[in-house]
């Protein structure tokens, strides 16, 4: 019996997915950079920077996680919509 094979669909991200991806990269990149600065400030005993940058890192990582969850929700909704249209 011949299988009903569909051509593989290419997935092109929507505008909101591209924006969320850029935001995730920027926020998590800034958080990682602030962690590096915090480590350097601890090594060189810069007291002012020692307190500021870990807070930025914590907020940045938490925000990045929320953005990733939002991207997953948007992607899942888009896949469900595509599956309904292809049926």
PDB file of N, CA and C in Angstrom:
ATOM      1  N   UNK A   1       0.837  -1.188   0.000  1.00  0.00           N
ATOM      2  CA  UNK A   1       0.000   0.000   0.000  1.00  0.00           C
ATOM      3  C   UNK A   1       0.882   1.251   0.000  1.00  0.00           C
ATOM      4  N   UNK A   2       0.460   2.216  -0.744  1.00  0.00           N
ATOM      5  CA  UNK A   2       1.200   3.465  -0.796  1.00  0.00           C
ATOM      6  C   UNK A   2       0.793   4.345   0.380  1.00  0.00           C
ATOM      7  N   UNK A   3       1.778   4.895   0.983  1.00  0.00           N
ATOM      8  CA  UNK A   3       1.502   5.803   2.102  1.00  0.00           C
ATOM      9  C   UNK A   3       1.143   7.175   1.556  1.00  0.00           C
ATOM     10  N   UNK A   4       0.303   7.841   2.306  1.00  0.00           N
ATOM     11  CA  UNK A   4      -0.066   9.202   1.954  1.00  0.00           C
ATOM     12  C   UNK A   4       1.006  10.132   2.520  1.00  0.00           C
ATOM     13  N   UNK A   5       2.020  10.378   1.721  1.00  0.00           N
ATOM     14  CA  UNK A   5       3.131  11.190   2.193  1.00  0.00           C
ATOM     15  C   UNK A   5       2.913  12.640   1.781  1.00  0.00           C
ATOM     16  N   UNK A   6       3.088  13.491   2.752  1.00  0.00           N
ATOM     17  CA  UNK A   6       2.982  14.908   2.479  1.00  0.00           C
ATOM     18  C   UNK A   6       4.387  15.468   2.301  1.00  0.00           C
ATOM     19  N   UNK A   7       4.501  16.487   1.504  1.00  0.00           N
ATOM     20  CA  UNK A   7       5.796  17.138   1.330  1.00  0.00           C
ATOM     21  C   UNK A   7       6.172  17.816   2.652  1.00  0.00           C
ATOM     22  N   UNK A   8       7.416  17.739   3.026  1.00  0.00           N
ATOM     23  CA  UNK A   8       7.809  18.383   4.282  1.00  0.00           C
ATOM     24  C   UNK A   8       7.589  19.890   4.202  1.00  0.00           C
ATOM     25  N   UNK A   9       6.952  20.398   5.228  1.00  0.00           N
ATOM     26  CA  UNK A   9       6.656  21.823   5.258  1.00  0.00           C
ATOM     27  C   UNK A   9       7.845  22.568   5.850  1.00  0.00           C
ATOM     28  N   UNK A  10       8.198  23.647   5.209  1.00  0.00           N
ATOM     29  CA  UNK A  10       9.262  24.471   5.758  1.00  0.00           C
ATOM     30  C   UNK A  10       8.643  25.424   6.757  1.00  0.00           C
ATOM     31  N   UNK A  11       9.344  25.613   7.833  1.00  0.00           N
ATOM     32  CA  UNK A  11       8.843  26.482   8.893  1.00  0.00           C
ATOM     33  C   UNK A  11       9.541  27.820   8.803  1.00  0.00           C
ATOM     34  N   UNK A  12       8.765  28.849   8.544  1.00  0.00           N
ATOM     35  CA  UNK A  12       9.308  30.198   8.523  1.00  0.00           C
ATOM     36  C   UNK A  12       8.743  30.951   9.714  1.00  0.00           C
ATOM     37  N   UNK A  13       9.614  31.483  10.576  1.00  0.00           N
ATOM     38  CA  UNK A  13       9.115  32.138  11.782  1.00  0.00           C
ATOM     39  C   UNK A  13       8.330  33.416  11.454  1.00  0.00           C
ATOM     40  N   UNK A  14       7.343  33.669  12.280  1.00  0.00           N
ATOM     41  CA  UNK A  14       6.549  34.878  12.107  1.00  0.00           C
ATOM     42  C   UNK A  14       7.313  36.070  12.666  1.00  0.00           C
ATOM     43  N   UNK A  15       6.753  37.226  12.473  1.00  0.00           N
ATOM     44  CA  UNK A  15       7.422  38.440  12.944  1.00  0.00           C
ATOM     45  C   UNK A  15       7.542  38.448  14.461  1.00  0.00           C
ATOM     46  N   UNK A  16       6.493  38.039  15.172  1.00  0.00           N
ATOM     47  CA  UNK A  16       6.534  38.039  16.635  1.00  0.00           C
ATOM     48  C   UNK A  16       7.578  37.044  17.136  1.00  0.00           C
ATOM     49  N   UNK A  17       7.746  35.930  16.438  1.00  0.00           N
ATOM     50  CA  UNK A  17       8.757  34.958  16.841  1.00  0.00           C
ATOM     51  C   UNK A  17      10.166  35.515  16.645  1.00  0.00           C
ATOM     52  N   UNK A  18      10.379  36.231  15.550  1.00  0.00           N
ATOM     53  CA  UNK A  18      11.696  36.844  15.330  1.00  0.00           C
ATOM     54  C   UNK A  18      11.978  37.920  16.366  1.00  0.00           C
ATOM     55  N   UNK A  19      10.969  38.708  16.713  1.00  0.00           N
ATOM     56  CA  UNK A  19      11.147  39.755  17.717  1.00  0.00           C
ATOM     57  C   UNK A  19      11.441  39.144  19.084  1.00  0.00           C
ATOM     58  N   UNK A  20      10.677  38.125  19.459  1.00  0.00           N
ATOM     59  CA  UNK A  20      10.922  37.472  20.744  1.00  0.00           C
ATOM     60  C   UNK A  20      12.303  36.828  20.792  1.00  0.00           C
ATOM     61  N   UNK A  21      12.730  36.233  19.702  1.00  0.00           N
ATOM     62  CA  UNK A  21      14.056  35.625  19.659  1.00  0.00           C
ATOM     63  C   UNK A  21      15.145  36.675  19.843  1.00  0.00           C
ATOM     64  N   UNK A  22      15.011  37.789  19.192  1.00  0.00           N
ATOM     65  CA  UNK A  22      15.974  38.882  19.362  1.00  0.00           C
ATOM     66  C   UNK A  22      15.991  39.412  20.783  1.00  0.00           C
ATOM     67  N   UNK A  23      14.819  39.530  21.381  1.00  0.00           N
ATOM     68  CA  UNK A  23      14.750  40.002  22.759  1.00  0.00           C
ATOM     69  C   UNK A  23      15.414  39.008  23.712  1.00  0.00           C
ATOM     70  N   UNK A  24      15.198  37.721  23.474  1.00  0.00           N
ATOM     71  CA  UNK A  24      15.805  36.697  24.323  1.00  0.00           C
ATOM     72  C   UNK A  24      17.325  36.770  24.235  1.00  0.00           C
ATOM     73  N   UNK A  25      17.836  36.873  23.019  1.00  0.00           N
ATOM     74  CA  UNK A  25      19.289  36.941  22.834  1.00  0.00           C
ATOM     75  C   UNK A  25      19.858  38.184  23.519  1.00  0.00           C
ATOM     76  N   UNK A  26      19.194  39.300  23.373  1.00  0.00           N
ATOM     77  CA  UNK A  26      19.682  40.539  23.973  1.00  0.00           C
ATOM     78  C   UNK A  26      19.650  40.522  25.493  1.00  0.00           C
ATOM     79  N   UNK A  27      18.548  40.065  26.054  1.00  0.00           N
ATOM     80  CA  UNK A  27      18.401  40.078  27.508  1.00  0.00           C
ATOM     81  C   UNK A  27      19.351  39.077  28.166  1.00  0.00           C
ATOM     82  N   UNK A  28      19.408  37.866  27.634  1.00  0.00           N
ATOM     83  CA  UNK A  28      20.294  36.867  28.234  1.00  0.00           C
ATOM     84  C   UNK A  28      21.750  37.222  27.977  1.00  0.00           C
ATOM     85  N   UNK A  29      22.049  37.785  26.825  1.00  0.00           N
ATOM     86  CA  UNK A  29      23.418  38.245  26.559  1.00  0.00           C
ATOM     87  C   UNK A  29      23.845  39.335  27.528  1.00  0.00           C
ATOM     88  N   UNK A  30      22.953  40.279  27.813  1.00  0.00           N
ATOM     89  CA  UNK A  30      23.269  41.337  28.784  1.00  0.00           C
ATOM     90  C   UNK A  30      23.434  40.757  30.188  1.00  0.00           C
ATOM     91  N   UNK A  31      22.632  39.751  30.530  1.00  0.00           N
ATOM     92  CA  UNK A  31      22.758  39.121  31.843  1.00  0.00           C
ATOM     93  C   UNK A  31      24.088  38.392  31.980  1.00  0.00           C
ATOM     94  N   UNK A  32      24.494  37.692  30.931  1.00  0.00           N
ATOM     95  CA  UNK A  32      25.788  36.998  30.973  1.00  0.00           C
ATOM     96  C   UNK A  32      26.930  37.997  31.042  1.00  0.00           C
ATOM     97  N   UNK A  33      26.818  39.086  30.304  1.00  0.00           N
ATOM     98  CA  UNK A  33      27.835  40.131  30.370  1.00  0.00           C
ATOM     99  C   UNK A  33      27.915  40.741  31.764  1.00  0.00           C
ATOM    100  N   UNK A  34      26.784  40.937  32.406  1.00  0.00           N
ATOM    101  CA  UNK A  34      26.800  41.495  33.761  1.00  0.00           C
ATOM    102  C   UNK A  34      27.389  40.498  34.766  1.00  0.00           C
ATOM    103  N   UNK A  35      27.213  39.202  34.526  1.00  0.00           N
ATOM    104  CA  UNK A  35      27.856  38.193  35.386  1.00  0.00           C
ATOM    105  C   UNK A  35      29.377  38.281  35.231  1.00  0.00           C
ATOM    106  N   UNK A  36      29.847  38.428  34.005  1.00  0.00           N
ATOM    107  CA  UNK A  36      31.285  38.553  33.765  1.00  0.00           C
ATOM    108  C   UNK A  36      31.829  39.810  34.440  1.00  0.00           C
ATOM    109  N   UNK A  37      31.098  40.908  34.349  1.00  0.00           N
ATOM    110  CA  UNK A  37      31.528  42.150  34.996  1.00  0.00           C
ATOM    111  C   UNK A  37      31.516  41.998  36.510  1.00  0.00           C
ATOM    112  N   UNK A  38      30.520  41.282  37.049  1.00  0.00           N
ATOM    113  CA  UNK A  38      30.469  41.060  38.499  1.00  0.00           C
ATOM    114  C   UNK A  38      31.660  40.236  38.972  1.00  0.00           C
ATOM    115  N   UNK A  39      32.040  39.231  38.192  1.00  0.00           N
ATOM    116  CA  UNK A  39      33.212  38.425  38.557  1.00  0.00           C
ATOM    117  C   UNK A  39      34.483  39.275  38.492  1.00  0.00           C
ATOM    118  N   UNK A  40      34.582  40.107  37.462  1.00  0.00           N
ATOM    119  CA  UNK A  40      35.755  40.985  37.349  1.00  0.00           C
ATOM    120  C   UNK A  40      35.779  42.012  38.474  1.00  0.00           C
ATOM    121  N   UNK A  41      34.625  42.529  38.849  1.00  0.00           N
ATOM    122  CA  UNK A  41      34.595  43.518  39.931  1.00  0.00           C
ATOM    123  C   UNK A  41      34.943  42.879  41.271  1.00  0.00           C
ATOM    124  N   UNK A  42      34.593  41.614  41.447  1.00  0.00           N
ATOM    125  CA  UNK A  42      34.996  40.920  42.672  1.00  0.00           C
ATOM    126  C   UNK A  42      36.501  40.667  42.677  1.00  0.00           C
ATOM    127  N   UNK A  43      37.055  40.383  41.507  1.00  0.00           N
ATOM    128  CA  UNK A  43      38.491  40.119  41.422  1.00  0.00           C
ATOM    129  C   UNK A  43      39.319  41.371  41.655  1.00  0.00           C
ATOM    130  N   UNK A  44      38.812  42.520  41.197  1.00  0.00           N
ATOM    131  CA  UNK A  44      39.568  43.763  41.340  1.00  0.00           C
ATOM    132  C   UNK A  44      39.071  44.636  42.482  1.00  0.00           C
ATOM    133  N   UNK A  45      38.146  44.125  43.288  1.00  0.00           N
ATOM    134  CA  UNK A  45      37.614  44.801  44.483  1.00  0.00           C
ATOM    135  C   UNK A  45      36.966  46.152  44.168  1.00  0.00           C
ATOM    136  N   UNK A  46      36.153  46.185  43.119  1.00  0.00           N
ATOM    137  CA  UNK A  46      35.360  47.367  42.830  1.00  0.00           C
ATOM    138  C   UNK A  46      34.051  47.225  43.594  1.00  0.00           C
ATOM    139  N   UNK A  47      33.879  47.954  44.675  1.00  0.00           N
ATOM    140  CA  UNK A  47      32.753  47.720  45.580  1.00  0.00           C
ATOM    141  C   UNK A  47      31.418  48.154  44.996  1.00  0.00           C
ATOM    142  N   UNK A  48      31.371  49.240  44.259  1.00  0.00           N
ATOM    143  CA  UNK A  48      30.099  49.717  43.722  1.00  0.00           C
ATOM    144  C   UNK A  48      29.527  48.733  42.705  1.00  0.00           C
ATOM    145  N   UNK A  49      30.366  48.241  41.824  1.00  0.00           N
ATOM    146  CA  UNK A  49      29.901  47.324  40.786  1.00  0.00           C
ATOM    147  C   UNK A  49      29.573  45.949  41.344  1.00  0.00           C
ATOM    148  N   UNK A  50      30.124  45.632  42.495  1.00  0.00           N
ATOM    149  CA  UNK A  50      29.897  44.317  43.076  1.00  0.00           C
ATOM    150  C   UNK A  50      28.430  44.110  43.454  1.00  0.00           C
ATOM    151  N   UNK A  51      27.708  45.176  43.749  1.00  0.00           N
ATOM    152  CA  UNK A  51      26.310  45.060  44.159  1.00  0.00           C
ATOM    153  C   UNK A  51      25.326  45.269  43.010  1.00  0.00           C
ATOM    154  N   UNK A  52      25.717  46.021  42.013  1.00  0.00           N
ATOM    155  CA  UNK A  52      24.783  46.380  40.937  1.00  0.00           C
ATOM    156  C   UNK A  52      24.615  45.252  39.920  1.00  0.00           C
ATOM    157  N   UNK A  53      25.709  44.700  39.455  1.00  0.00           N
ATOM    158  CA  UNK A  53      25.640  43.764  38.334  1.00  0.00           C
ATOM    159  C   UNK A  53      25.024  42.407  38.670  1.00  0.00           C
ATOM    160  N   UNK A  54      25.191  41.858  39.871  1.00  0.00           N
ATOM    161  CA  UNK A  54      24.455  40.604  40.149  1.00  0.00           C
ATOM    162  C   UNK A  54      22.934  40.781  40.118  1.00  0.00           C
ATOM    163  N   UNK A  55      22.452  41.941  40.517  1.00  0.00           N
ATOM    164  CA  UNK A  55      21.009  42.201  40.464  1.00  0.00           C
ATOM    165  C   UNK A  55      20.547  42.258  39.009  1.00  0.00           C
ATOM    166  N   UNK A  56      21.336  42.900  38.165  1.00  0.00           N
ATOM    167  CA  UNK A  56      21.005  42.951  36.737  1.00  0.00           C
ATOM    168  C   UNK A  56      20.993  41.544  36.146  1.00  0.00           C
ATOM    169  N   UNK A  57      21.940  40.712  36.564  1.00  0.00           N
ATOM    170  CA  UNK A  57      22.007  39.341  36.045  1.00  0.00           C
ATOM    171  C   UNK A  57      20.780  38.539  36.464  1.00  0.00           C
ATOM    172  N   UNK A  58      20.365  38.661  37.706  1.00  0.00           N
ATOM    173  CA  UNK A  58      19.198  37.917  38.187  1.00  0.00           C
ATOM    174  C   UNK A  58      17.940  38.348  37.440  1.00  0.00           C
ATOM    175  N   UNK A  59      17.749  39.650  37.317  1.00  0.00           N
ATOM    176  CA  UNK A  59      16.567  40.162  36.613  1.00  0.00           C
ATOM    177  C   UNK A  59      16.609  39.765  35.139  1.00  0.00           C
ATOM    178  N   UNK A  60      17.790  39.823  34.516  1.00  0.00           N
ATOM    179  CA  UNK A  60      17.928  39.476  33.110  1.00  0.00           C
ATOM    180  C   UNK A  60      17.642  38.008  32.831  1.00  0.00           C
ATOM    181  N   UNK A  61      18.140  37.132  33.701  1.00  0.00           N
ATOM    182  CA  UNK A  61      17.889  35.701  33.496  1.00  0.00           C
ATOM    183  C   UNK A  61      16.406  35.362  33.696  1.00  0.00           C
ATOM    184  N   UNK A  62      15.782  35.970  34.688  1.00  0.00           N
ATOM    185  CA  UNK A  62      14.352  35.724  34.918  1.00  0.00           C
ATOM    186  C   UNK A  62      13.516  36.246  33.747  1.00  0.00           C
ATOM    187  N   UNK A  63      13.866  37.427  33.253  1.00  0.00           N
ATOM    188  CA  UNK A  63      13.151  37.988  32.109  1.00  0.00           C
ATOM    189  C   UNK A  63      13.364  37.133  30.861  1.00  0.00           C
ATOM    190  N   UNK A  64      14.587  36.639  30.673  1.00  0.00           N
ATOM    191  CA  UNK A  64      14.869  35.762  29.541  1.00  0.00           C
ATOM    192  C   UNK A  64      14.054  34.485  29.596  1.00  0.00           C
ATOM    193  N   UNK A  65      13.885  33.935  30.806  1.00  0.00           N
ATOM    194  CA  UNK A  65      13.087  32.725  30.950  1.00  0.00           C
ATOM    195  C   UNK A  65      11.623  32.995  30.588  1.00  0.00           C
ATOM    196  N   UNK A  66      11.091  34.123  31.041  1.00  0.00           N
ATOM    197  CA  UNK A  66       9.708  34.464  30.707  1.00  0.00           C
ATOM    198  C   UNK A  66       9.532  34.681  29.206  1.00  0.00           C
ATOM    199  N   UNK A  67      10.526  35.294  28.584  1.00  0.00           N
ATOM    200  CA  UNK A  67      10.457  35.490  27.131  1.00  0.00           C
ATOM    201  C   UNK A  67      10.517  34.163  26.391  1.00  0.00           C
ATOM    202  N   UNK A  68      11.308  33.212  26.897  1.00  0.00           N
ATOM    203  CA  UNK A  68      11.357  31.887  26.272  1.00  0.00           C
ATOM    204  C   UNK A  68      10.019  31.170  26.382  1.00  0.00           C
ATOM    205  N   UNK A  69       9.367  31.298  27.519  1.00  0.00           N
ATOM    206  CA  UNK A  69       8.044  30.690  27.687  1.00  0.00           C
ATOM    207  C   UNK A  69       7.053  31.328  26.725  1.00  0.00           C
ATOM    208  N   UNK A  70       7.124  32.646  26.588  1.00  0.00           N
ATOM    209  CA  UNK A  70       6.241  33.335  25.645  1.00  0.00           C
ATOM    210  C   UNK A  70       6.504  32.876  24.217  1.00  0.00           C
ATOM    211  N   UNK A  71       7.777  32.680  23.851  1.00  0.00           N
ATOM    212  CA  UNK A  71       8.107  32.196  22.513  1.00  0.00           C
ATOM    213  C   UNK A  71       7.586  30.777  22.294  1.00  0.00           C
ATOM    214  N   UNK A  72       7.682  29.932  23.312  1.00  0.00           N
ATOM    215  CA  UNK A  72       7.142  28.574  23.183  1.00  0.00           C
ATOM    216  C   UNK A  72       5.640  28.599  22.975  1.00  0.00           C
ATOM    217  N   UNK A  73       4.925  29.449  23.716  1.00  0.00           N
ATOM    218  CA  UNK A  73       3.472  29.539  23.572  1.00  0.00           C
ATOM    219  C   UNK A  73       3.096  30.016  22.173  1.00  0.00           C
ATOM    220  N   UNK A  74       3.789  31.035  21.696  1.00  0.00           N
ATOM    221  CA  UNK A  74       3.497  31.566  20.358  1.00  0.00           C
ATOM    222  C   UNK A  74       3.786  30.514  19.290  1.00  0.00           C
ATOM    223  N   UNK A  75       4.888  29.799  19.434  1.00  0.00           N
ATOM    224  CA  UNK A  75       5.249  28.778  18.453  1.00  0.00           C
ATOM    225  C   UNK A  75       4.261  27.618  18.462  1.00  0.00           C
ATOM    226  N   UNK A  76       3.861  27.177  19.643  1.00  0.00           N
ATOM    227  CA  UNK A  76       2.894  26.073  19.736  1.00  0.00           C
ATOM    228  C   UNK A  76       1.559  26.477  19.121  1.00  0.00           C
ATOM    229  N   UNK A  77       1.115  27.699  19.410  1.00  0.00           N
ATOM    230  CA  UNK A  77      -0.149  28.158  18.831  1.00  0.00           C
ATOM    231  C   UNK A  77      -0.072  28.224  17.308  1.00  0.00           C
ATOM    232  N   UNK A  78       1.068  28.658  16.791  1.00  0.00           N
ATOM    233  CA  UNK A  78       1.243  28.734  15.339  1.00  0.00           C
ATOM    234  C   UNK A  78       1.248  27.335  14.721  1.00  0.00           C
ATOM    235  N   UNK A  79       1.913  26.378  15.364  1.00  0.00           N
ATOM    236  CA  UNK A  79       1.942  25.003  14.844  1.00  0.00           C
ATOM    237  C   UNK A  79       0.543  24.382  14.863  1.00  0.00           C
ATOM    238  N   UNK A  80      -0.207  24.622  15.928  1.00  0.00           N
ATOM    239  CA  UNK A  80      -1.566  24.094  16.009  1.00  0.00           C
ATOM    240  C   UNK A  80      -2.430  24.694  14.893  1.00  0.00           C
ATOM    241  N   UNK A  81      -2.267  25.981  14.668  1.00  0.00           N
ATOM    242  CA  UNK A  81      -3.036  26.638  13.611  1.00  0.00           C
ATOM    243  C   UNK A  81      -2.658  26.079  12.242  1.00  0.00           C
ATOM    244  N   UNK A  82      -1.364  25.843  11.997  1.00  0.00           N
ATOM    245  CA  UNK A  82      -0.938  25.267  10.728  1.00  0.00           C
ATOM    246  C   UNK A  82      -1.467  23.850  10.553  1.00  0.00           C
ATOM    247  N   UNK A  83      -1.481  23.072  11.625  1.00  0.00           N
ATOM    248  CA  UNK A  83      -1.997  21.703  11.536  1.00  0.00           C
ATOM    249  C   UNK A  83      -3.492  21.683  11.237  1.00  0.00           C
ATOM    250  N   UNK A  84      -4.227  22.610  11.820  1.00  0.00           N
ATOM    251  CA  UNK A  84      -5.665  22.680  11.539  1.00  0.00           C
ATOM    252  C   UNK A  84      -5.925  23.068  10.093  1.00  0.00           C
ATOM    253  N   UNK A  85      -5.099  23.954   9.553  1.00  0.00           N
ATOM    254  CA  UNK A  85      -5.280  24.368   8.165  1.00  0.00           C
ATOM    255  C   UNK A  85      -4.899  23.284   7.180  1.00  0.00           C
ATOM    256  N   UNK A  86      -3.942  22.435   7.549  1.00  0.00           N
ATOM    257  CA  UNK A  86      -3.483  21.402   6.622  1.00  0.00           C
ATOM    258  C   UNK A  86      -4.385  20.159   6.624  1.00  0.00           C
ATOM    259  N   UNK A  87      -5.261  20.041   7.588  1.00  0.00           N
ATOM    260  CA  UNK A  87      -6.140  18.864   7.643  1.00  0.00           C
ATOM    261  C   UNK A  87      -7.255  18.928   6.645  1.00  0.00           C
TER     262      UNK A  87
END
